[in-house]
Amino acid sequence: MSASAGADRSLITTRHEFDALLRDLRAAGRFALDTEFVSEETFEPVLCLVQVATADRCAAIDPIALDGLDELWELVLDPSVEVVMHAAGEDLRICKIKTGRLPRRVVDVQVAAGLVGFGYPTSLTNLVAQVMRVNLAGSETRTDWRRRPLTPAQIDYALDDVRHLTAIADKLNARLEVLDRLEWAESEYRARIEEIDARDDDDRWRRLPGLGKLSRRGLEAARLLSEWRLDEARRANRPPKQILRDDLLTAIARRLPRHPRDLDALREFNRPHLRNFARDLIEVVEAALATPNDDLPEHGERPEDGPGAQMVVSLLAATMNWCCAKSRVAVGLTGSQNDLRDVLRRHLDDHAHGPTPALLDGWRLEVCGRALLDVVSGRSSLRIGDPSSDTPIVVEPVAAPADEGAEAC
């Protein structure tokens, strides 16, 4: 029986129903998972609904009615159980917030789709339409999931996020197996989980915009201001950027004001809630000013690209597009302009140091990495093939001069 044909569409609101559902999920050994949450107004997202589905049933779990979902999260974390998701990042972040851990056995159908010829990122609506030939309704996109009671239409809409996921995973896995890309998918799932795990490290402040323009003491101010903002946001249960916007934080770190009145020179600092923080902000800056020089943070390495780098990167982008079209792999999943710059820098550095560029490792090396190296080293060139096709560029080996070939013979 398919999840859509025999779905249990009731909302799970009692411990008895919840326990019975958990038994079904564990017995299945595999289930789809999605969440609905609201994150605009609080420090941590407010979990409002959890949707799950197996091949035989799907259900929505009301975390507001239940006293905790610890048993569900333990099931998600169980390595003997496979969890199928779409665009898993934010839902996995919820799991990390609730448990401090991340599951290791996750199938992300958005990633799998990108490895077998679909675009990336592909919305769930489009993926269901293309793989299952089913059109999903979108009538509840503006729902406030915190409000109760939820209507049957809202619950049914939420269940659409999971009811087809295991069937889609089966179809995509079959394609991956035919193409001998199951290991590609598994490695990409693992990499995504590791990336999410690293996103909450102590150096998150280094992702603030504009740090490159700060002095080392300004960097220390940015670090301390970021810590202060995080603590204040947690105390007030508000998103950090509602406490102090990124651009204002880096502006304070750049100016290093010594008195509350110095903050008035900052654009938009005259808002009441910011003025209430003036003394706290000055104290943070004072702490940065008092930090010994030897303890100040260093700027991260910022490779300097030559004036012609962007032109070369454009050629490499055309190469990557050609390779991806040839292999039927989504360009958006394969790499970015920054990844191409890493390839160019590695070539110019003559493999001197640093981590292996993403495009020169794993399945990406097979799809396009070798071709990129051939282009930057001059072993391959680009020419226009069919200008009317989706991939008008052709990458081909550079022919050896006739006399060089004769000598080789």
Protein backbone atom coordinates (compact mmCIF):
# COMPACT_ATOMS: atom_id res chain seq x y z
CA MET A 1 0.00 0.00 0.00
CA SER A 2 1.40 3.43 -0.89
CA ALA A 3 1.60 6.26 1.61
CA SER A 4 -0.82 8.30 -0.48
CA ALA A 5 -3.38 5.55 -0.87
CA GLY A 6 -3.71 4.40 2.72
CA ALA A 7 -2.37 7.34 4.67
CA ASP A 8 -3.27 7.86 8.30
CA ARG A 9 -3.81 11.61 8.18
CA SER A 10 -4.67 12.13 11.82
CA LEU A 11 -2.70 14.54 13.94
CA ILE A 12 -0.78 12.75 16.71
CA THR A 13 -1.56 14.62 19.93
CA THR A 14 -1.49 11.97 22.68
CA ARG A 15 1.30 9.93 24.19
CA HIS A 16 -0.54 6.69 23.36
CA GLU A 17 -0.76 7.62 19.66
CA PHE A 18 2.82 8.79 19.65
CA ASP A 19 4.17 5.54 21.14
CA ALA A 20 2.20 3.48 18.63
CA LEU A 21 3.55 5.55 15.77
CA LEU A 22 7.13 5.13 17.00
CA ARG A 23 6.65 1.36 17.02
CA ASP A 24 5.49 1.49 13.41
CA LEU A 25 8.46 3.64 12.37
CA ARG A 26 10.97 1.39 14.08
CA ALA A 27 9.40 -1.73 12.58
CA ALA A 28 9.63 -0.18 9.12
CA GLY A 29 13.33 0.58 9.61
CA ARG A 30 13.00 3.53 7.28
CA PHE A 31 10.83 6.62 7.22
CA ALA A 32 10.51 10.06 5.68
CA LEU A 33 10.86 13.13 7.90
CA ASP A 34 10.04 16.82 7.61
CA THR A 35 9.37 19.61 10.08
CA GLU A 36 7.43 22.86 10.23
CA PHE A 37 8.93 25.54 12.43
CA VAL A 38 8.92 29.29 12.96
CA SER A 39 12.29 30.99 13.41
CA GLU A 40 11.65 34.67 12.74
CA GLU A 41 10.93 35.76 16.31
CA THR A 42 12.94 33.56 18.69
CA PHE A 43 16.55 32.62 19.43
CA GLU A 44 15.91 28.99 18.54
CA PRO A 45 13.30 27.88 15.99
CA VAL A 46 9.92 26.97 17.49
CA LEU A 47 9.12 23.43 16.36
CA CYS A 48 5.43 23.36 15.43
CA LEU A 49 4.88 20.10 13.54
CA VAL A 50 6.79 16.97 12.58
CA GLN A 51 5.67 14.90 9.62
CA VAL A 52 6.73 11.29 9.10
CA ALA A 53 5.87 8.63 6.55
CA THR A 54 6.63 5.00 5.78
CA ALA A 55 5.47 3.00 2.79
CA ASP A 56 2.24 2.21 4.67
CA ARG A 57 1.25 5.32 6.59
CA CYS A 58 1.99 8.95 7.17
CA ALA A 59 1.22 11.08 10.17
CA ALA A 60 1.76 14.53 11.62
CA ILE A 61 3.05 14.84 15.18
CA ASP A 62 2.05 17.84 17.29
CA PRO A 63 5.05 18.77 19.51
CA ILE A 64 2.99 21.53 21.12
CA ALA A 65 0.47 19.01 22.46
CA LEU A 66 3.06 16.39 23.43
CA ASP A 67 5.52 16.80 26.28
CA GLY A 68 8.72 16.41 24.29
CA LEU A 69 9.71 14.28 21.31
CA ASP A 70 12.87 12.75 22.74
CA GLU A 71 11.94 9.22 21.63
CA LEU A 72 11.43 10.38 18.05
CA TRP A 73 14.82 12.10 17.93
CA GLU A 74 16.49 8.99 19.32
CA LEU A 75 14.88 7.04 16.47
CA VAL A 76 16.14 9.59 13.96
CA LEU A 77 19.65 9.18 15.41
CA ASP A 78 19.50 5.37 15.40
CA PRO A 79 22.02 4.14 12.77
CA SER A 80 19.86 1.07 12.09
CA VAL A 81 17.08 3.34 10.78
CA GLU A 82 17.23 5.20 7.47
CA VAL A 83 15.77 8.72 7.39
CA VAL A 84 14.63 10.08 4.03
CA MET A 85 14.43 13.86 3.65
CA HIS A 86 14.29 16.63 1.06
CA ALA A 87 16.71 19.56 1.46
CA ALA A 88 17.65 18.19 4.85
CA GLY A 89 19.75 21.08 6.17
CA GLU A 90 17.28 23.04 8.28
CA ASP A 91 15.47 19.95 9.56
CA LEU A 92 18.78 18.42 10.63
CA ARG A 93 19.60 21.67 12.39
CA ILE A 94 16.42 21.20 14.44
CA CYS A 95 17.66 17.74 15.41
CA LYS A 96 21.03 19.21 16.41
CA ILE A 97 19.32 21.84 18.56
CA LYS A 98 17.11 19.27 20.28
CA THR A 99 19.74 16.56 20.85
CA GLY A 100 23.19 18.05 20.27
CA ARG A 101 23.77 15.35 17.64
CA LEU A 102 23.08 14.62 13.99
CA PRO A 103 21.94 11.38 12.37
CA ARG A 104 24.41 9.52 10.18
CA ARG A 105 22.01 7.56 8.00
CA VAL A 106 20.22 10.20 5.95
CA VAL A 107 19.06 10.10 2.34
CA ASP A 108 18.47 13.54 0.83
CA VAL A 109 16.40 13.14 -2.33
CA GLN A 110 17.29 16.66 -3.48
CA VAL A 111 20.96 15.65 -3.58
CA ALA A 112 20.19 12.28 -5.18
CA ALA A 113 18.16 14.02 -7.89
CA GLY A 114 21.08 16.30 -8.72
CA LEU A 115 23.31 13.25 -9.27
CA VAL A 116 21.01 11.61 -11.84
CA GLY A 117 20.22 14.50 -14.15
CA PHE A 118 17.69 16.68 -12.38
CA GLY A 119 18.47 20.29 -11.56
CA TYR A 120 19.80 21.41 -8.21
CA PRO A 121 18.33 22.65 -6.02
CA THR A 122 14.98 21.21 -7.12
CA SER A 123 11.91 22.03 -5.04
CA LEU A 124 9.88 19.18 -3.61
CA THR A 125 6.88 20.21 -5.70
CA ASN A 126 8.90 19.95 -8.90
CA LEU A 127 10.58 16.72 -7.84
CA VAL A 128 7.27 15.03 -7.03
CA ALA A 129 5.86 16.19 -10.37
CA GLN A 130 8.87 14.96 -12.35
CA VAL A 131 9.45 11.65 -10.57
CA MET A 132 5.96 10.65 -9.39
CA ARG A 133 3.85 12.53 -11.96
CA VAL A 134 1.81 14.01 -9.11
CA ASN A 135 0.96 17.69 -8.72
CA LEU A 136 1.02 18.93 -5.13
CA ALA A 137 -1.34 21.63 -3.94
CA GLY A 138 0.14 24.76 -2.38
CA SER A 139 -2.84 26.34 -0.69
CA GLU A 140 -1.38 26.51 2.85
CA THR A 141 1.98 28.16 2.15
CA ARG A 142 1.14 31.11 4.45
CA THR A 143 0.16 28.97 7.45
CA ASP A 144 1.22 30.05 10.92
CA TRP A 145 2.08 26.59 12.22
CA ARG A 146 1.98 27.76 15.85
CA ARG A 147 -1.77 28.37 15.82
CA ARG A 148 -4.18 25.71 17.03
CA PRO A 149 -6.32 23.99 16.04
CA LEU A 150 -4.82 23.00 12.71
CA THR A 151 -7.36 22.33 10.00
CA PRO A 152 -7.53 19.05 8.05
CA ALA A 153 -6.40 21.01 4.97
CA GLN A 154 -3.32 22.27 6.81
CA ILE A 155 -2.43 18.79 8.05
CA ASP A 156 -2.93 17.29 4.60
CA TYR A 157 -0.73 20.01 3.09
CA ALA A 158 2.01 19.31 5.65
CA LEU A 159 1.85 15.57 4.96
CA ASP A 160 2.49 16.24 1.27
CA ASP A 161 6.04 17.05 2.35
CA VAL A 162 6.68 13.42 3.30
CA ARG A 163 4.10 11.14 1.71
CA HIS A 164 6.08 10.60 -1.53
CA LEU A 165 9.64 10.78 -0.22
CA THR A 166 10.41 7.07 0.25
CA ALA A 167 8.98 6.25 -3.18
CA ILE A 168 11.06 9.02 -4.75
CA ALA A 169 14.14 7.74 -2.92
CA ASP A 170 13.53 4.25 -4.33
CA LYS A 171 13.26 5.55 -7.89
CA LEU A 172 16.34 7.75 -7.57
CA ASN A 173 18.34 4.96 -5.91
CA ALA A 174 17.51 2.70 -8.86
CA ARG A 175 18.91 5.34 -11.23
CA LEU A 176 21.96 5.85 -9.03
CA GLU A 177 22.62 2.12 -9.07
CA VAL A 178 22.36 1.90 -12.86
CA LEU A 179 24.80 4.80 -13.17
CA ASP A 180 27.09 3.31 -10.48
CA ARG A 181 26.68 6.46 -8.37
CA LEU A 182 25.32 5.15 -5.09
CA GLU A 183 28.68 5.80 -3.44
CA TRP A 184 28.67 9.33 -4.86
CA ALA A 185 25.34 9.93 -3.14
CA GLU A 186 26.46 8.41 0.16
CA SER A 187 29.62 10.52 0.20
CA GLU A 188 27.59 13.67 -0.50
CA TYR A 189 25.10 12.88 2.29
CA ARG A 190 28.01 12.44 4.71
CA ALA A 191 29.64 15.68 3.57
CA ARG A 192 26.40 17.62 4.10
CA ILE A 193 26.02 16.28 7.63
CA GLU A 194 29.64 17.18 8.44
CA GLU A 195 29.06 20.68 7.06
CA ILE A 196 25.99 21.18 9.25
CA ASP A 197 27.91 19.87 12.25
CA ALA A 198 30.73 22.35 11.64
CA ARG A 199 28.36 25.28 11.13
CA ASP A 200 27.88 25.72 14.88
CA ASP A 201 31.54 25.94 15.80
CA ASP A 202 33.20 28.62 17.94
CA ASP A 203 34.44 30.51 14.87
CA ARG A 204 31.00 31.38 13.50
CA TRP A 205 31.90 35.06 13.95
CA ARG A 206 34.38 34.71 11.11
CA ARG A 207 31.44 34.44 8.70
CA LEU A 208 30.46 38.05 9.44
CA PRO A 209 30.60 40.29 6.35
CA GLY A 210 33.30 42.93 6.06
CA LEU A 211 35.92 41.34 8.32
CA GLY A 212 38.58 41.80 5.67
CA LYS A 213 38.51 45.57 6.24
CA LEU A 214 39.11 45.33 9.98
CA SER A 215 42.38 45.60 11.86
CA ARG A 216 43.40 42.73 14.12
CA ARG A 217 41.98 44.67 17.08
CA GLY A 218 38.83 45.23 15.07
CA LEU A 219 38.65 41.45 14.57
CA GLU A 220 38.85 40.98 18.33
CA ALA A 221 36.03 43.50 18.77
CA ALA A 222 33.95 41.64 16.19
CA ARG A 223 34.58 38.36 17.98
CA LEU A 224 33.60 39.74 21.39
CA LEU A 225 30.60 41.62 19.99
CA SER A 226 29.42 38.43 18.33
CA GLU A 227 29.68 36.56 21.64
CA TRP A 228 27.81 39.35 23.43
CA ARG A 229 25.08 39.35 20.77
CA LEU A 230 24.65 35.59 21.05
CA ASP A 231 24.35 35.73 24.84
CA GLU A 232 21.87 38.62 24.68
CA ALA A 233 19.80 36.89 22.01
CA ARG A 234 19.65 33.72 24.07
CA ARG A 235 18.63 35.68 27.17
CA ALA A 236 15.93 37.62 25.31
CA ASN A 237 14.88 34.62 23.20
CA ARG A 238 15.23 36.61 20.00
CA PRO A 239 17.17 36.01 16.76
CA PRO A 240 20.71 37.43 17.08
CA LYS A 241 20.28 39.76 14.11
CA GLN A 242 17.30 41.36 15.83
CA ILE A 243 19.60 42.29 18.70
CA LEU A 244 22.30 43.79 16.46
CA ARG A 245 22.51 43.53 12.69
CA ASP A 246 25.68 42.16 11.11
CA ASP A 247 26.53 45.41 9.34
CA LEU A 248 26.18 47.44 12.55
CA LEU A 249 28.29 44.93 14.45
CA THR A 250 31.16 45.18 11.97
CA ALA A 251 30.77 48.98 11.83
CA ILE A 252 31.26 49.16 15.60
CA ALA A 253 34.27 46.84 15.32
CA ARG A 254 35.77 49.08 12.65
CA ARG A 255 35.24 52.38 14.53
CA LEU A 256 36.07 51.05 18.04
CA PRO A 257 34.01 53.76 19.80
CA ARG A 258 35.14 54.77 23.30
CA HIS A 259 31.97 56.53 24.49
CA PRO A 260 28.22 55.91 23.99
CA ARG A 261 27.91 59.22 22.13
CA ASP A 262 30.39 57.92 19.54
CA LEU A 263 27.80 55.33 18.56
CA ASP A 264 25.47 58.09 17.38
CA ALA A 265 27.66 58.53 14.33
CA LEU A 266 26.60 55.08 13.15
CA ARG A 267 23.76 55.06 10.71
CA GLU A 268 20.49 53.69 12.17
CA PHE A 269 21.92 53.42 15.67
CA ASN A 270 19.27 55.82 16.99
CA ARG A 271 16.71 53.04 17.41
CA PRO A 272 15.52 52.73 21.05
CA HIS A 273 16.51 49.11 21.62
CA LEU A 274 20.02 49.79 20.31
CA ARG A 275 20.49 52.86 22.50
CA ASN A 276 19.60 50.69 25.48
CA PHE A 277 22.62 48.53 24.63
CA ALA A 278 25.04 51.45 24.25
CA ARG A 279 26.86 50.99 27.56
CA ASP A 280 27.14 47.21 27.04
CA LEU A 281 28.61 47.70 23.58
CA ILE A 282 31.19 50.20 24.81
CA GLU A 283 32.23 47.74 27.54
CA VAL A 284 32.73 45.04 24.91
CA VAL A 285 34.85 47.40 22.81
CA GLU A 286 36.88 48.32 25.89
CA ALA A 287 37.59 44.64 26.46
CA ALA A 288 38.81 44.36 22.87
CA LEU A 289 41.03 47.42 23.30
CA ALA A 290 42.53 45.88 26.45
CA THR A 291 43.42 42.58 24.75
CA PRO A 292 47.22 42.14 24.48
CA ASN A 293 48.58 42.35 20.94
CA ASP A 294 49.84 38.77 21.02
CA ASP A 295 46.31 37.50 21.76
CA LEU A 296 44.58 39.31 18.90
CA PRO A 297 43.09 37.10 16.16
CA GLU A 298 44.76 36.96 12.78
CA HIS A 299 43.08 37.48 9.45
CA GLY A 300 42.36 34.26 7.63
CA GLU A 301 44.33 33.61 4.47
CA ARG A 302 42.91 35.62 1.57
CA PRO A 303 44.44 34.49 -1.69
CA GLU A 304 45.18 37.35 -4.05
CA ASP A 305 43.99 36.54 -7.56
CA GLY A 306 45.62 38.13 -10.57
CA PRO A 307 43.76 40.63 -12.77
CA GLY A 308 42.91 37.97 -15.35
CA ALA A 309 41.61 35.41 -12.87
CA GLN A 310 37.93 36.10 -13.54
CA MET A 311 38.40 35.49 -17.27
CA VAL A 312 40.04 32.13 -16.55
CA VAL A 313 37.31 31.24 -14.06
CA SER A 314 34.72 31.96 -16.77
CA LEU A 315 36.47 29.47 -19.05
CA LEU A 316 36.54 26.94 -16.23
CA ALA A 317 32.83 27.54 -15.60
CA ALA A 318 32.11 26.73 -19.24
CA THR A 319 34.23 23.59 -18.87
CA MET A 320 32.34 22.53 -15.74
CA ASN A 321 29.00 23.13 -17.45
CA TRP A 322 30.05 20.99 -20.40
CA CYS A 323 31.26 18.20 -18.12
CA CYS A 324 28.08 18.23 -16.05
CA ALA A 325 25.88 18.14 -19.13
CA LYS A 326 27.87 15.22 -20.48
CA SER A 327 27.60 13.32 -17.18
CA ARG A 328 24.00 14.42 -16.48
CA VAL A 329 24.92 15.88 -13.09
CA ALA A 330 23.51 19.19 -11.82
CA VAL A 331 25.99 22.08 -12.05
CA GLY A 332 24.55 23.65 -8.90
CA LEU A 333 25.39 20.51 -6.94
CA THR A 334 28.85 20.13 -8.43
CA GLY A 335 30.52 23.43 -7.66
CA SER A 336 30.58 27.21 -7.50
CA GLN A 337 32.73 30.07 -8.78
CA ASN A 338 34.73 29.91 -5.54
CA ASP A 339 35.38 26.21 -6.12
CA LEU A 340 36.68 27.02 -9.61
CA ARG A 341 38.95 29.69 -8.14
CA ASP A 342 40.35 27.05 -5.77
CA VAL A 343 41.24 24.88 -8.78
CA LEU A 344 42.99 27.81 -10.47
CA ARG A 345 44.91 28.69 -7.30
CA ARG A 346 46.00 25.10 -6.82
CA HIS A 347 47.33 25.03 -10.39
CA LEU A 348 49.17 28.34 -9.98
CA ASP A 349 50.63 27.23 -6.64
CA ASP A 350 51.89 24.05 -8.29
CA HIS A 351 50.17 21.89 -5.63
CA ALA A 352 52.17 23.63 -2.94
CA HIS A 353 49.90 23.46 0.08
CA GLY A 354 46.40 23.58 1.49
CA PRO A 355 43.43 21.22 1.38
CA THR A 356 42.45 19.54 -1.86
CA PRO A 357 39.94 21.68 -3.77
CA ALA A 358 36.44 20.20 -3.69
CA LEU A 359 36.34 19.88 -7.49
CA LEU A 360 39.52 17.77 -7.42
CA ASP A 361 38.22 15.26 -4.89
CA GLY A 362 35.73 12.38 -4.86
CA TRP A 363 33.01 12.16 -7.49
CA ARG A 364 33.61 15.75 -8.60
CA LEU A 365 37.11 14.81 -9.76
CA GLU A 366 35.55 12.15 -11.97
CA VAL A 367 32.82 14.41 -13.34
CA CYS A 368 34.85 17.52 -14.10
CA GLY A 369 38.04 17.81 -12.04
CA ARG A 370 40.36 16.15 -14.54
CA ALA A 371 38.90 18.17 -17.39
CA LEU A 372 39.43 21.38 -15.42
CA LEU A 373 43.08 20.47 -14.80
CA ASP A 374 43.52 19.69 -18.49
CA VAL A 375 42.15 23.12 -19.43
CA VAL A 376 44.25 25.12 -16.95
CA SER A 377 47.38 23.18 -17.96
CA GLY A 378 46.76 23.62 -21.69
CA ARG A 379 46.19 19.94 -22.46
CA SER A 380 42.60 20.68 -23.51
CA SER A 381 40.92 23.64 -25.16
CA LEU A 382 37.41 24.99 -25.62
CA ARG A 383 35.68 25.67 -28.91
CA ILE A 384 32.15 26.46 -30.05
CA GLY A 385 30.28 23.39 -31.16
CA ASP A 386 26.54 23.75 -31.90
CA PRO A 387 25.55 27.32 -30.92
CA SER A 388 21.86 26.35 -30.83
CA SER A 389 22.31 23.54 -28.29
CA ASP A 390 22.07 23.74 -24.51
CA THR A 391 25.82 23.10 -24.32
CA PRO A 392 27.37 24.99 -27.25
CA ILE A 393 30.90 24.64 -25.84
CA VAL A 394 33.05 21.60 -26.59
CA VAL A 395 36.13 20.66 -24.56
CA GLU A 396 38.68 18.59 -26.46
CA PRO A 397 42.37 17.62 -26.24
CA VAL A 398 44.90 19.91 -27.83
CA ALA A 399 46.44 18.19 -30.83
CA ALA A 400 50.20 17.71 -30.71
CA PRO A 401 52.24 19.44 -33.44
CA ALA A 402 52.96 17.18 -36.45
CA ASP A 403 56.76 17.18 -35.97
CA GLU A 404 56.34 16.39 -32.25
CA GLY A 405 54.15 13.45 -33.19
CA ALA A 406 56.72 12.26 -35.71
CA GLU A 407 59.46 12.31 -33.09
CA ALA A 408 57.25 10.31 -30.76
CA CYS A 409 56.89 7.63 -33.45
